[in-house]
């Protein structure tokens, strides 16, 4: 394989400008993430008085020491709880990710009960549904650390109630797919949330802390007039000795986590998995730090995406496919820690030849069972009379069909622009890539704000002319509104907040993230869980 020659000039003015801009965006992401942790941490005194651990302390005890944890959607709900981003607390009230517990790779869903007692936050339901989707697709057991006040009745929305039922449907599907669902109920699990506990295969409850009931004392009294204590209605002792809802009675949070780890250690989940082959590989020849200075903050400036590939691929080797045909679309083979990977990326808009080449390459990767990586950096498919006559729609459709029906895991990273139908051809979120991440500078939109504004200005000006008078001040004001409207929606701080990716990653971590998800995908392809007609039911 050919080694990519570096053309990056780390000392140049352009590089330093790009680097400074990227570092500022990374720090902004980290600021929002730290705010979530700090907000939850403000509850420490209250938790300690109850003899409880904070949610992230529970998570830390659950995970195997020194093992990687891939957090999912840390910016979920940003700006949706409070439009003032300086006061918004993202995360959706859920801490989620993929990590190792007792030597088993699992999906973890932990209530962030340090924030509003674990009540659902904006995007909390969609985030959990994405977590379930990832568990199913990647054949991962699901571990839940539950302590939730449920829905906030002061901000009740009927659509959240209806759609939220999908959470419980998913738990039944995960269990029936042969994927164990293990829940530690650390505190409240009330009303519909009680089924988050009840639809689990293994349930650990904590003495004097766990609460699981369909109606708490206030609702029970309001609905029936009956008076009962929380412990009588749904305490851990009652459920583990009378109702049969709980399987294990723990003395405190630490004991509960210990039991959860022992359960996973004893189900022998990895018994039929072939040992991962030993893969020899060399790291990239170029420093990952240089990824900070490659991407310009202005998406209209050209970028050679081969320079990105050179800093994530083993030994910076790249076997390019069809180099001289449709050259603005770059495709070829690399390896990440010895694992083969097909790459599709963009050095410009996608033209007829580029779409045709990409279609061919995607189908060839499916034939050889090679996973695909899409590094998005395109303003879309080419437009114009010549391109329309050449069949741009037809050939673009072929590329979209190939992406849609690909039979191998597909991973998408938004590195720069992802505009128009180019987002579709490059396996945008709507095409259900197995994993989808963004760099902090990424922009996603149907088109650039300036193009949208000019389009509407041309249409509006023509209408004004038909009426006999053109108001240029009105046109300029309209253009500004449209640009502002588009620009406010295209950044990762808007798209990631709405779960249009699985999280924003530091470009320097790209190779590490890819190695993790490729390993997850590989294990999923090899694993054959014991599927059942129904999920595991309570006694």
Protein backbone atom coordinates (compact mmCIF):
# COMPACT_ATOMS: atom_id res chain seq x y z
CA UNK A 1 0.00 0.00 0.00
CA UNK A 2 1.16 3.53 -0.75
CA UNK A 3 2.20 5.80 2.08
CA UNK A 4 0.53 9.22 2.00
CA UNK A 5 3.05 12.03 1.86
CA UNK A 6 2.32 14.85 4.26
CA UNK A 7 1.68 18.28 2.74
CA UNK A 8 0.71 19.90 6.04
CA UNK A 9 2.79 22.87 7.20
CA UNK A 10 2.37 23.05 11.00
CA UNK A 11 4.16 26.39 11.19
CA UNK A 12 2.03 28.14 8.61
CA UNK A 13 -0.37 30.96 9.38
CA UNK A 14 -3.34 28.99 7.98
CA UNK A 15 -2.49 25.94 10.09
CA UNK A 16 -2.24 28.02 13.27
CA UNK A 17 -5.57 29.72 12.53
CA UNK A 18 -7.25 26.35 11.96
CA UNK A 19 -5.66 24.90 15.09
CA UNK A 20 -6.72 27.83 17.28
CA UNK A 21 -10.26 27.66 15.97
CA UNK A 22 -10.50 23.90 16.53
CA UNK A 23 -9.08 24.09 20.06
CA UNK A 24 -11.60 26.78 20.95
CA UNK A 25 -14.45 24.57 19.71
CA UNK A 26 -13.11 21.55 21.61
CA UNK A 27 -12.94 23.63 24.79
CA UNK A 28 -16.53 24.74 24.24
CA UNK A 29 -17.64 21.10 24.00
CA UNK A 30 -15.71 20.24 27.16
CA UNK A 31 -17.23 23.23 28.98
CA UNK A 32 -20.74 21.92 28.36
CA UNK A 33 -19.73 18.40 29.42
CA UNK A 34 -18.10 19.68 32.61
CA UNK A 35 -21.22 21.68 33.41
CA UNK A 36 -23.33 18.50 33.40
CA UNK A 37 -20.89 16.77 35.73
CA UNK A 38 -20.68 19.80 38.03
CA UNK A 39 -24.47 20.24 38.16
CA UNK A 40 -24.92 16.62 39.15
CA UNK A 41 -22.08 16.94 41.64
CA UNK A 42 -23.92 19.70 43.50
CA UNK A 43 -26.15 16.96 44.91
CA UNK A 44 -23.22 15.24 46.66
CA UNK A 45 -24.19 16.32 50.18
CA UNK A 46 -27.76 15.11 49.72
CA UNK A 47 -26.59 11.77 48.31
CA UNK A 48 -24.06 11.25 51.09
CA UNK A 49 -26.69 11.93 53.76
CA UNK A 50 -28.73 9.11 52.24
CA UNK A 51 -25.69 6.84 52.10
CA UNK A 52 -25.70 6.92 48.29
CA UNK A 53 -23.09 7.38 45.59
CA UNK A 54 -23.39 9.97 42.84
CA UNK A 55 -24.32 8.54 39.41
CA UNK A 56 -20.83 8.86 37.93
CA UNK A 57 -19.35 7.24 41.05
CA UNK A 58 -21.69 4.29 40.50
CA UNK A 59 -20.58 4.11 36.89
CA UNK A 60 -16.92 4.22 37.87
CA UNK A 61 -17.38 1.29 40.26
CA UNK A 62 -19.32 -0.68 37.67
CA UNK A 63 -16.72 -0.45 34.90
CA UNK A 64 -13.56 -2.56 34.89
CA UNK A 65 -10.62 -0.40 36.06
CA UNK A 66 -8.39 0.91 33.29
CA UNK A 67 -10.71 -0.10 30.44
CA UNK A 68 -12.04 2.28 27.77
CA UNK A 69 -15.50 3.80 27.96
CA UNK A 70 -17.08 5.31 24.86
CA UNK A 71 -19.61 7.89 26.05
CA UNK A 72 -22.61 8.47 23.80
CA UNK A 73 -24.43 11.77 23.13
CA UNK A 74 -22.99 13.89 25.92
CA UNK A 75 -24.49 17.06 24.37
CA UNK A 76 -28.02 15.68 24.05
CA UNK A 77 -30.62 18.34 24.81
CA UNK A 78 -28.17 21.25 24.79
CA UNK A 79 -30.17 24.48 24.58
CA UNK A 80 -33.48 22.64 24.75
CA UNK A 81 -33.80 22.84 28.53
CA UNK A 82 -32.75 26.49 28.46
CA UNK A 83 -32.21 28.50 25.25
CA UNK A 84 -29.37 30.35 27.00
CA UNK A 85 -26.45 28.03 26.26
CA UNK A 86 -24.53 29.52 29.17
CA UNK A 87 -27.13 28.01 31.50
CA UNK A 88 -28.10 24.87 29.61
CA UNK A 89 -27.22 21.47 31.13
CA UNK A 90 -26.91 18.84 28.39
CA UNK A 91 -27.00 15.06 28.56
CA UNK A 92 -30.74 14.39 28.58
CA UNK A 93 -30.56 13.29 32.23
CA UNK A 94 -28.78 10.10 31.15
CA UNK A 95 -25.14 8.99 31.22
CA UNK A 96 -24.65 6.39 28.51
CA UNK A 97 -21.87 4.57 26.74
CA UNK A 98 -20.14 1.32 25.87
CA UNK A 99 -17.65 -0.12 28.32
CA UNK A 100 -16.36 -3.28 29.99
CA UNK A 101 -17.89 -4.89 33.08
CA UNK A 102 -16.42 -8.13 34.46
CA UNK A 103 -14.65 -8.68 31.16
CA UNK A 104 -17.86 -8.25 29.12
CA UNK A 105 -18.45 -5.37 26.74
CA UNK A 106 -21.83 -3.84 27.58
CA UNK A 107 -24.05 -0.86 26.90
CA UNK A 108 -24.59 1.20 30.04
CA UNK A 109 -27.59 3.47 30.69
CA UNK A 110 -27.32 5.36 33.97
CA UNK A 111 -29.86 7.84 35.31
CA UNK A 112 -28.14 11.12 36.16
CA UNK A 113 -30.18 11.46 39.34
CA UNK A 114 -28.01 14.28 40.63
CA UNK A 115 -29.94 16.51 38.20
CA UNK A 116 -33.63 17.08 38.99
CA UNK A 117 -33.72 13.74 40.87
CA UNK A 118 -33.28 11.92 37.56
CA UNK A 119 -36.42 13.36 35.97
CA UNK A 120 -36.43 13.11 32.20
CA UNK A 121 -34.67 16.00 30.48
CA UNK A 122 -35.12 17.20 26.88
CA UNK A 123 -33.97 14.49 24.43
CA UNK A 124 -33.76 11.98 27.28
CA UNK A 125 -36.22 9.60 25.63
CA UNK A 126 -34.65 9.73 22.13
CA UNK A 127 -31.21 9.28 23.69
CA UNK A 128 -32.27 6.15 25.52
CA UNK A 129 -33.92 4.80 22.37
CA UNK A 130 -30.64 5.34 20.50
CA UNK A 131 -28.84 3.50 23.30
CA UNK A 132 -31.22 0.57 22.83
CA UNK A 133 -30.70 0.65 19.06
CA UNK A 134 -26.94 0.47 19.50
CA UNK A 135 -27.27 -2.41 21.96
CA UNK A 136 -29.41 -4.38 19.51
CA UNK A 137 -27.26 -3.65 16.45
CA UNK A 138 -24.02 -4.46 18.23
CA UNK A 139 -25.40 -7.38 20.28
CA UNK A 140 -24.45 -5.87 23.62
CA UNK A 141 -25.93 -6.72 27.03
CA UNK A 142 -27.63 -3.72 28.61
CA UNK A 143 -26.81 -2.58 32.14
CA UNK A 144 -29.13 0.04 33.66
CA UNK A 145 -28.38 2.05 36.78
CA UNK A 146 -31.83 3.42 37.54
CA UNK A 147 -32.90 6.21 39.84
CA UNK A 148 -35.46 8.39 38.16
CA UNK A 149 -38.29 10.65 39.17
CA UNK A 150 -39.80 9.87 35.76
CA UNK A 151 -41.54 12.50 33.68
CA UNK A 152 -41.76 16.07 34.94
CA UNK A 153 -45.51 16.57 35.31
CA UNK A 154 -45.05 20.35 35.19
CA UNK A 155 -43.73 20.08 31.62
CA UNK A 156 -45.82 17.08 30.55
CA UNK A 157 -46.14 16.49 26.80
CA UNK A 158 -48.48 13.86 25.44
CA UNK A 159 -46.11 12.97 22.59
CA UNK A 160 -43.37 12.10 25.06
CA UNK A 161 -45.76 9.79 26.90
CA UNK A 162 -46.76 8.02 23.69
CA UNK A 163 -43.29 7.78 22.15
CA UNK A 164 -41.80 6.87 25.53
CA UNK A 165 -43.58 3.54 25.34
CA UNK A 166 -40.94 2.59 22.80
CA UNK A 167 -38.42 2.42 25.63
CA UNK A 168 -40.26 -0.48 27.20
CA UNK A 169 -40.85 -2.16 23.84
CA UNK A 170 -37.11 -1.97 23.22
CA UNK A 171 -36.27 -3.59 26.56
CA UNK A 172 -38.50 -6.53 25.65
CA UNK A 173 -36.86 -6.73 22.20
CA UNK A 174 -33.34 -6.64 23.65
CA UNK A 175 -34.09 -9.50 26.04
CA UNK A 176 -35.80 -11.55 23.32
CA UNK A 177 -32.78 -11.00 21.07
CA UNK A 178 -30.73 -12.96 23.61
CA UNK A 179 -29.07 -9.90 25.12
CA UNK A 180 -29.23 -9.87 28.94
CA UNK A 181 -30.79 -6.79 30.54
CA UNK A 182 -29.44 -6.15 34.05
CA UNK A 183 -30.84 -3.34 36.19
CA UNK A 184 -29.67 -1.92 39.48
CA UNK A 185 -32.53 0.12 40.93
CA UNK A 186 -30.71 2.60 43.15
CA UNK A 187 -33.74 4.73 44.01
CA UNK A 188 -37.10 5.62 42.53
CA UNK A 189 -38.50 3.76 39.55
CA UNK A 190 -42.01 5.12 39.44
CA UNK A 191 -45.14 4.87 37.26
CA UNK A 192 -44.15 4.00 33.68
CA UNK A 193 -40.55 4.05 34.86
CA UNK A 194 -41.32 1.02 37.02
CA UNK A 195 -41.30 -1.00 33.82
CA UNK A 196 -37.70 0.04 33.21
CA UNK A 197 -37.04 -2.16 36.23
CA UNK A 198 -39.74 -4.73 35.55
CA UNK A 199 -38.65 -5.42 31.96
CA UNK A 200 -35.20 -6.54 33.08
CA UNK A 201 -33.80 -10.07 33.25
CA UNK A 202 -31.80 -9.47 36.42
CA UNK A 203 -32.84 -6.92 39.04
CA UNK A 204 -30.78 -5.70 41.99
CA UNK A 205 -32.54 -3.53 44.58
CA UNK A 206 -31.07 -1.53 47.47
CA UNK A 207 -32.45 -1.83 50.98
CA UNK A 208 -34.29 1.30 52.17
CA UNK A 209 -33.50 3.14 48.90
CA UNK A 210 -35.12 1.32 45.95
CA UNK A 211 -38.69 2.28 45.13
CA UNK A 212 -40.71 0.69 42.33
CA UNK A 213 -44.45 1.26 42.09
CA UNK A 214 -47.02 2.20 39.48
CA UNK A 215 -48.46 4.87 41.75
CA UNK A 216 -46.62 6.58 44.59
CA UNK A 217 -48.38 7.53 47.84
CA UNK A 218 -49.72 10.92 46.56
CA UNK A 219 -51.13 9.47 43.34
CA UNK A 220 -52.47 6.41 45.12
CA UNK A 221 -54.34 8.58 47.60
CA UNK A 222 -55.65 10.85 44.83
CA UNK A 223 -56.79 7.92 42.70
CA UNK A 224 -58.17 5.46 45.29
CA UNK A 225 -58.04 7.10 48.70
CA UNK A 226 -55.71 4.36 49.96
CA UNK A 227 -52.88 5.43 52.23
CA UNK A 228 -49.58 3.57 52.18
CA UNK A 229 -45.89 4.33 52.70
CA UNK A 230 -43.33 4.17 49.92
CA UNK A 231 -41.71 1.15 51.56
CA UNK A 232 -45.03 -0.70 51.75
CA UNK A 233 -45.86 0.11 48.14
CA UNK A 234 -42.55 -0.62 46.50
CA UNK A 235 -39.57 -1.01 48.79
CA UNK A 236 -36.66 -3.34 48.11
CA UNK A 237 -37.52 -5.76 50.91
CA UNK A 238 -41.11 -6.08 49.76
CA UNK A 239 -40.15 -6.65 46.12
CA UNK A 240 -37.41 -9.18 46.87
CA UNK A 241 -39.50 -11.17 49.36
CA UNK A 242 -43.17 -10.71 48.42
CA UNK A 243 -43.84 -9.45 44.88
CA UNK A 244 -40.86 -11.20 43.25
CA UNK A 245 -39.95 -8.12 41.23
CA UNK A 246 -36.44 -7.96 42.69
CA UNK A 247 -33.93 -10.80 42.46
CA UNK A 248 -31.11 -9.54 44.67
CA UNK A 249 -31.23 -7.40 47.82
CA UNK A 250 -28.21 -5.15 48.28
CA UNK A 251 -27.31 -3.21 51.40
CA UNK A 252 -26.15 -0.05 49.65
CA UNK A 253 -25.00 1.27 46.24
CA UNK A 254 -21.56 -0.32 46.48
CA UNK A 255 -23.02 -3.69 47.37
CA UNK A 256 -25.49 -3.39 44.48
CA UNK A 257 -22.70 -2.69 41.99
CA UNK A 258 -20.74 -5.65 43.38
CA UNK A 259 -23.72 -7.94 42.81
CA UNK A 260 -24.23 -6.60 39.27
CA UNK A 261 -20.59 -7.31 38.42
CA UNK A 262 -20.88 -10.82 39.86
CA UNK A 263 -24.00 -11.52 37.79
CA UNK A 264 -22.20 -10.58 34.59
CA UNK A 265 -19.11 -12.54 35.61
CA UNK A 266 -21.22 -15.67 36.00
CA UNK A 267 -23.30 -15.67 32.81
CA UNK A 268 -20.22 -16.64 30.74
CA UNK A 269 -21.20 -14.27 27.96
CA UNK A 270 -17.99 -14.69 25.96
CA UNK A 271 -17.97 -18.50 26.00
CA UNK A 272 -18.64 -18.99 22.26
CA UNK A 273 -16.66 -16.03 20.96
CA UNK A 274 -13.56 -16.88 18.93
CA UNK A 275 -10.42 -15.27 20.24
CA UNK A 276 -9.61 -11.99 18.54
CA UNK A 277 -6.72 -12.49 16.12
CA UNK A 278 -3.42 -10.92 17.03
CA UNK A 279 -2.96 -8.08 14.55
CA UNK A 280 0.41 -6.46 14.05
CA UNK A 281 0.25 -2.83 13.02
CA UNK A 282 2.24 0.36 12.93
CA UNK A 283 0.81 3.69 14.13
CA UNK A 284 0.40 6.57 11.67
CA UNK A 285 3.63 8.24 10.60
CA UNK A 286 2.25 11.69 11.40
CA UNK A 287 1.20 13.22 14.69
CA UNK A 288 -2.53 13.21 15.48
CA UNK A 289 -2.01 16.71 16.89
CA UNK A 290 -1.78 17.90 13.29
CA UNK A 291 -5.43 17.01 12.77
CA UNK A 292 -6.21 20.20 14.69
CA UNK A 293 -4.80 22.39 11.92
CA UNK A 294 -6.00 20.64 8.79
CA UNK A 295 -9.68 21.60 8.74
CA UNK A 296 -10.42 25.31 8.15
CA UNK A 297 -13.17 26.97 10.13
CA UNK A 298 -14.62 28.21 6.82
CA UNK A 299 -16.21 25.18 5.14
CA UNK A 300 -15.87 26.86 1.72
CA UNK A 301 -12.09 26.51 1.78
CA UNK A 302 -10.70 23.35 0.09
CA UNK A 303 -9.14 20.53 2.12
CA UNK A 304 -7.14 17.48 1.05
CA UNK A 305 -8.84 14.74 3.07
CA UNK A 306 -5.96 12.37 2.33
CA UNK A 307 -4.07 14.35 4.97
CA UNK A 308 -6.73 13.34 7.49
CA UNK A 309 -6.48 9.69 6.37
CA UNK A 310 -2.68 9.86 6.78
CA UNK A 311 -3.11 10.66 10.47
CA UNK A 312 -5.58 7.90 11.35
CA UNK A 313 -4.46 4.95 9.15
CA UNK A 314 -1.93 2.32 10.18
CA UNK A 315 1.52 3.42 8.96
CA UNK A 316 -0.28 6.21 7.02
CA UNK A 317 -0.87 3.69 4.25
CA UNK A 318 -3.74 4.17 1.80
CA UNK A 319 -4.59 1.99 -1.19
CA UNK A 320 -6.59 4.45 -3.23
CA UNK A 321 -9.25 3.07 -5.58
CA UNK A 322 -9.82 4.82 -8.95
CA UNK A 323 -7.48 7.70 -8.11
CA UNK A 324 -7.76 9.37 -11.52
CA UNK A 325 -11.52 8.89 -12.00
CA UNK A 326 -13.91 11.22 -10.18
CA UNK A 327 -10.94 12.44 -8.15
CA UNK A 328 -12.99 14.82 -5.96
CA UNK A 329 -14.47 11.70 -4.38
CA UNK A 330 -11.68 9.83 -2.62
CA UNK A 331 -12.12 6.13 -1.83
CA UNK A 332 -9.76 3.35 -0.84
CA UNK A 333 -8.54 0.85 1.73
CA UNK A 334 -6.80 1.47 5.05
CA UNK A 335 -6.34 -0.41 8.32
CA UNK A 336 -7.00 0.76 11.86
CA UNK A 337 -4.99 -1.28 14.41
CA UNK A 338 -4.80 -4.03 11.81
CA UNK A 339 -8.54 -4.03 11.08
CA UNK A 340 -9.41 -3.48 7.38
CA UNK A 341 -11.62 -0.50 6.57
CA UNK A 342 -12.93 1.04 3.37
CA UNK A 343 -12.91 4.85 3.29
CA UNK A 344 -15.17 7.19 1.34
CA UNK A 345 -14.43 10.92 1.61
CA UNK A 346 -14.60 14.16 -0.33
CA UNK A 347 -12.17 16.67 -1.74
CA UNK A 348 -15.06 18.61 -3.23
CA UNK A 349 -18.63 18.14 -4.46
CA UNK A 350 -19.69 14.70 -5.66
CA UNK A 351 -19.84 14.57 -9.47
CA UNK A 352 -21.11 11.85 -11.81
CA UNK A 353 -17.81 9.97 -11.90
CA UNK A 354 -17.37 10.30 -8.14
CA UNK A 355 -20.84 8.89 -7.42
CA UNK A 356 -20.27 6.02 -9.84
CA UNK A 357 -16.88 5.21 -8.31
CA UNK A 358 -18.20 5.36 -4.78
CA UNK A 359 -21.09 3.03 -5.68
CA UNK A 360 -18.65 0.51 -7.15
CA UNK A 361 -16.38 0.72 -4.11
CA UNK A 362 -19.20 0.36 -1.56
CA UNK A 363 -20.48 -2.76 -3.32
CA UNK A 364 -16.96 -4.21 -3.50
CA UNK A 365 -16.52 -3.66 0.25
CA UNK A 366 -19.80 -5.47 0.87
CA UNK A 367 -18.53 -8.36 -1.25
CA UNK A 368 -15.37 -8.64 0.87
CA UNK A 369 -17.17 -7.90 4.18
CA UNK A 370 -15.06 -4.81 4.75
CA UNK A 371 -16.63 -2.14 7.05
CA UNK A 372 -17.01 1.34 5.60
CA UNK A 373 -15.98 4.74 6.97
CA UNK A 374 -17.48 7.96 5.58
CA UNK A 375 -15.46 11.10 6.31
CA UNK A 376 -17.97 13.83 5.42
CA UNK A 377 -16.56 16.97 3.80
CA UNK A 378 -18.78 17.93 0.88
CA UNK A 379 -21.10 20.70 -0.20
CA UNK A 380 -23.23 18.10 -1.99
CA UNK A 381 -23.79 16.69 -5.47
CA UNK A 382 -22.81 18.82 -8.45
CA UNK A 383 -25.51 20.94 -10.08
CA UNK A 384 -25.80 22.57 -13.50
CA UNK A 385 -27.00 21.81 -17.02
CA UNK A 386 -24.05 19.63 -17.98
CA UNK A 387 -24.32 17.57 -14.80
CA UNK A 388 -28.07 17.12 -15.17
CA UNK A 389 -27.60 15.95 -18.77
CA UNK A 390 -24.88 13.53 -17.61
CA UNK A 391 -27.38 11.91 -15.22
CA UNK A 392 -26.34 13.38 -11.88
CA UNK A 393 -29.66 12.41 -10.28
CA UNK A 394 -29.47 8.87 -11.67
CA UNK A 395 -25.88 8.25 -10.62
CA UNK A 396 -26.36 10.00 -7.27
CA UNK A 397 -29.33 7.72 -6.68
CA UNK A 398 -27.13 4.69 -7.32
CA UNK A 399 -24.76 5.87 -4.61
CA UNK A 400 -27.63 6.44 -2.20
CA UNK A 401 -28.99 2.96 -2.99
CA UNK A 402 -25.58 1.41 -2.30
CA UNK A 403 -25.28 3.23 1.03
CA UNK A 404 -28.83 2.29 2.02
CA UNK A 405 -28.45 -1.39 1.30
CA UNK A 406 -24.84 -1.96 2.32
CA UNK A 407 -24.46 -5.21 4.23
CA UNK A 408 -21.39 -4.21 6.27
CA UNK A 409 -21.10 -1.90 9.28
CA UNK A 410 -20.94 1.75 8.22
CA UNK A 411 -19.36 4.45 10.38
CA UNK A 412 -19.80 8.16 9.68
CA UNK A 413 -17.70 11.05 10.92
CA UNK A 414 -18.67 14.61 10.07
CA UNK A 415 -15.27 16.27 9.57
CA UNK A 416 -16.33 19.40 7.70
CA UNK A 417 -19.37 20.29 5.61
CA UNK A 418 -22.18 17.83 4.99
CA UNK A 419 -24.65 19.68 2.81
CA UNK A 420 -27.63 18.78 0.67
CA UNK A 421 -28.03 15.30 -0.75
CA UNK A 422 -24.31 14.88 -0.16
CA UNK A 423 -25.29 14.18 3.44
CA UNK A 424 -27.40 11.28 2.18
CA UNK A 425 -24.80 9.89 -0.22
CA UNK A 426 -22.20 10.07 2.55
CA UNK A 427 -24.31 8.00 4.96
CA UNK A 428 -25.70 10.81 7.10
CA UNK A 429 -27.64 10.03 10.25
CA UNK A 430 -30.87 9.46 8.32
CA UNK A 431 -29.22 6.43 6.66
CA UNK A 432 -28.60 4.70 9.99
CA UNK A 433 -24.82 4.29 10.11
CA UNK A 434 -23.81 1.89 12.87
CA UNK A 435 -22.02 4.79 14.60
CA UNK A 436 -21.99 8.49 13.75
CA UNK A 437 -19.70 11.12 15.28
CA UNK A 438 -18.86 14.77 14.59
CA UNK A 439 -15.77 16.89 14.84
CA UNK A 440 -16.44 20.19 16.65
CA UNK A 441 -16.17 22.24 13.43
CA UNK A 442 -18.64 20.14 11.42
CA UNK A 443 -21.53 21.83 9.63
CA UNK A 444 -24.69 20.06 8.48
CA UNK A 445 -27.46 21.66 6.44
CA UNK A 446 -29.61 21.33 3.35
CA UNK A 447 -27.33 24.04 1.88
CA UNK A 448 -25.16 26.92 3.03
CA UNK A 449 -26.97 29.89 4.55
CA UNK A 450 -25.69 32.26 1.87
CA UNK A 451 -26.93 29.99 -0.92
CA UNK A 452 -30.34 29.67 0.75
CA UNK A 453 -30.55 33.44 1.21
CA UNK A 454 -29.57 34.18 -2.39
CA UNK A 455 -32.05 31.61 -3.69
CA UNK A 456 -34.92 33.17 -1.78
CA UNK A 457 -33.74 36.66 -2.71
CA UNK A 458 -33.86 35.85 -6.43
CA UNK A 459 -37.36 34.40 -6.09
CA UNK A 460 -38.61 37.32 -3.96
CA UNK A 461 -37.02 39.95 -6.23
CA UNK A 462 -38.73 38.42 -9.26
CA UNK A 463 -42.07 38.60 -7.45
CA UNK A 464 -41.41 42.26 -6.56
CA UNK A 465 -40.61 43.08 -10.18
CA UNK A 466 -43.89 41.58 -11.31
CA UNK A 467 -45.62 43.96 -8.89
CA UNK A 468 -43.63 46.89 -10.25
CA UNK A 469 -41.32 47.79 -7.33
CA UNK A 470 -38.15 46.23 -5.83
CA UNK A 471 -37.42 47.00 -2.19
CA UNK A 472 -33.67 46.34 -1.87
CA UNK A 473 -33.60 47.12 1.87
CA UNK A 474 -36.28 44.51 2.45
CA UNK A 475 -34.34 41.99 0.35
CA UNK A 476 -31.15 42.60 2.32
CA UNK A 477 -32.96 42.21 5.64
CA UNK A 478 -34.55 38.97 4.44
CA UNK A 479 -31.18 37.60 3.30
CA UNK A 480 -29.65 38.35 6.70
CA UNK A 481 -32.52 36.60 8.51
CA UNK A 482 -32.13 33.51 6.34
CA UNK A 483 -28.34 33.38 6.78
CA UNK A 484 -28.71 33.73 10.54
CA UNK A 485 -31.46 31.08 10.60
CA UNK A 486 -29.38 28.56 8.66
CA UNK A 487 -26.13 29.30 10.47
CA UNK A 488 -27.81 28.85 13.86
CA UNK A 489 -28.82 25.29 12.97
CA UNK A 490 -25.82 23.86 11.16
CA UNK A 491 -23.26 23.66 13.97
CA UNK A 492 -22.64 20.57 16.09
CA UNK A 493 -23.98 22.42 19.11
CA UNK A 494 -27.38 22.26 17.44
CA UNK A 495 -27.17 18.92 15.62
CA UNK A 496 -25.58 16.91 18.44
CA UNK A 497 -28.08 18.39 20.91
CA UNK A 498 -30.81 16.83 18.76
CA UNK A 499 -29.06 13.42 18.56
CA UNK A 500 -28.16 13.85 14.90
CA UNK A 501 -24.89 12.15 15.80
CA UNK A 502 -23.65 9.92 18.63
CA UNK A 503 -21.39 12.59 20.05
CA UNK A 504 -18.74 15.21 19.30
CA UNK A 505 -15.18 13.92 19.38
CA UNK A 506 -11.79 15.61 19.49
CA UNK A 507 -10.18 15.05 16.04
CA UNK A 508 -7.08 13.77 17.83
CA UNK A 509 -9.17 10.91 19.26
CA UNK A 510 -10.52 9.79 15.87
CA UNK A 511 -8.23 6.78 15.46
CA UNK A 512 -8.92 5.61 19.03
CA UNK A 513 -12.69 5.96 18.57
CA UNK A 514 -12.56 4.10 15.24
CA UNK A 515 -10.55 1.27 16.80
CA UNK A 516 -13.18 0.91 19.55
CA UNK A 517 -16.20 0.88 17.26
CA UNK A 518 -14.58 -1.43 14.70
CA UNK A 519 -13.84 -3.89 17.49
CA UNK A 520 -17.46 -3.58 18.67
CA UNK A 521 -18.73 -4.19 15.12
CA UNK A 522 -16.40 -7.14 14.64
CA UNK A 523 -17.62 -8.82 17.82
CA UNK A 524 -21.23 -8.21 16.80
CA UNK A 525 -20.67 -9.92 13.46
CA UNK A 526 -19.15 -12.97 15.16
CA UNK A 527 -21.61 -13.30 18.06
CA UNK A 528 -24.76 -15.41 17.86
CA UNK A 529 -26.94 -14.71 20.92
CA UNK A 530 -29.59 -17.23 21.96
CA UNK A 531 -32.69 -15.57 20.51
CA UNK A 532 -36.07 -16.32 22.04
CA UNK A 533 -39.69 -15.84 21.02
CA UNK A 534 -40.31 -13.71 24.11
CA UNK A 535 -38.20 -11.74 26.54
CA UNK A 536 -37.42 -13.17 29.99
CA UNK A 537 -40.46 -12.70 32.22
CA UNK A 538 -40.65 -12.14 35.97
CA UNK A 539 -41.68 -15.14 38.15
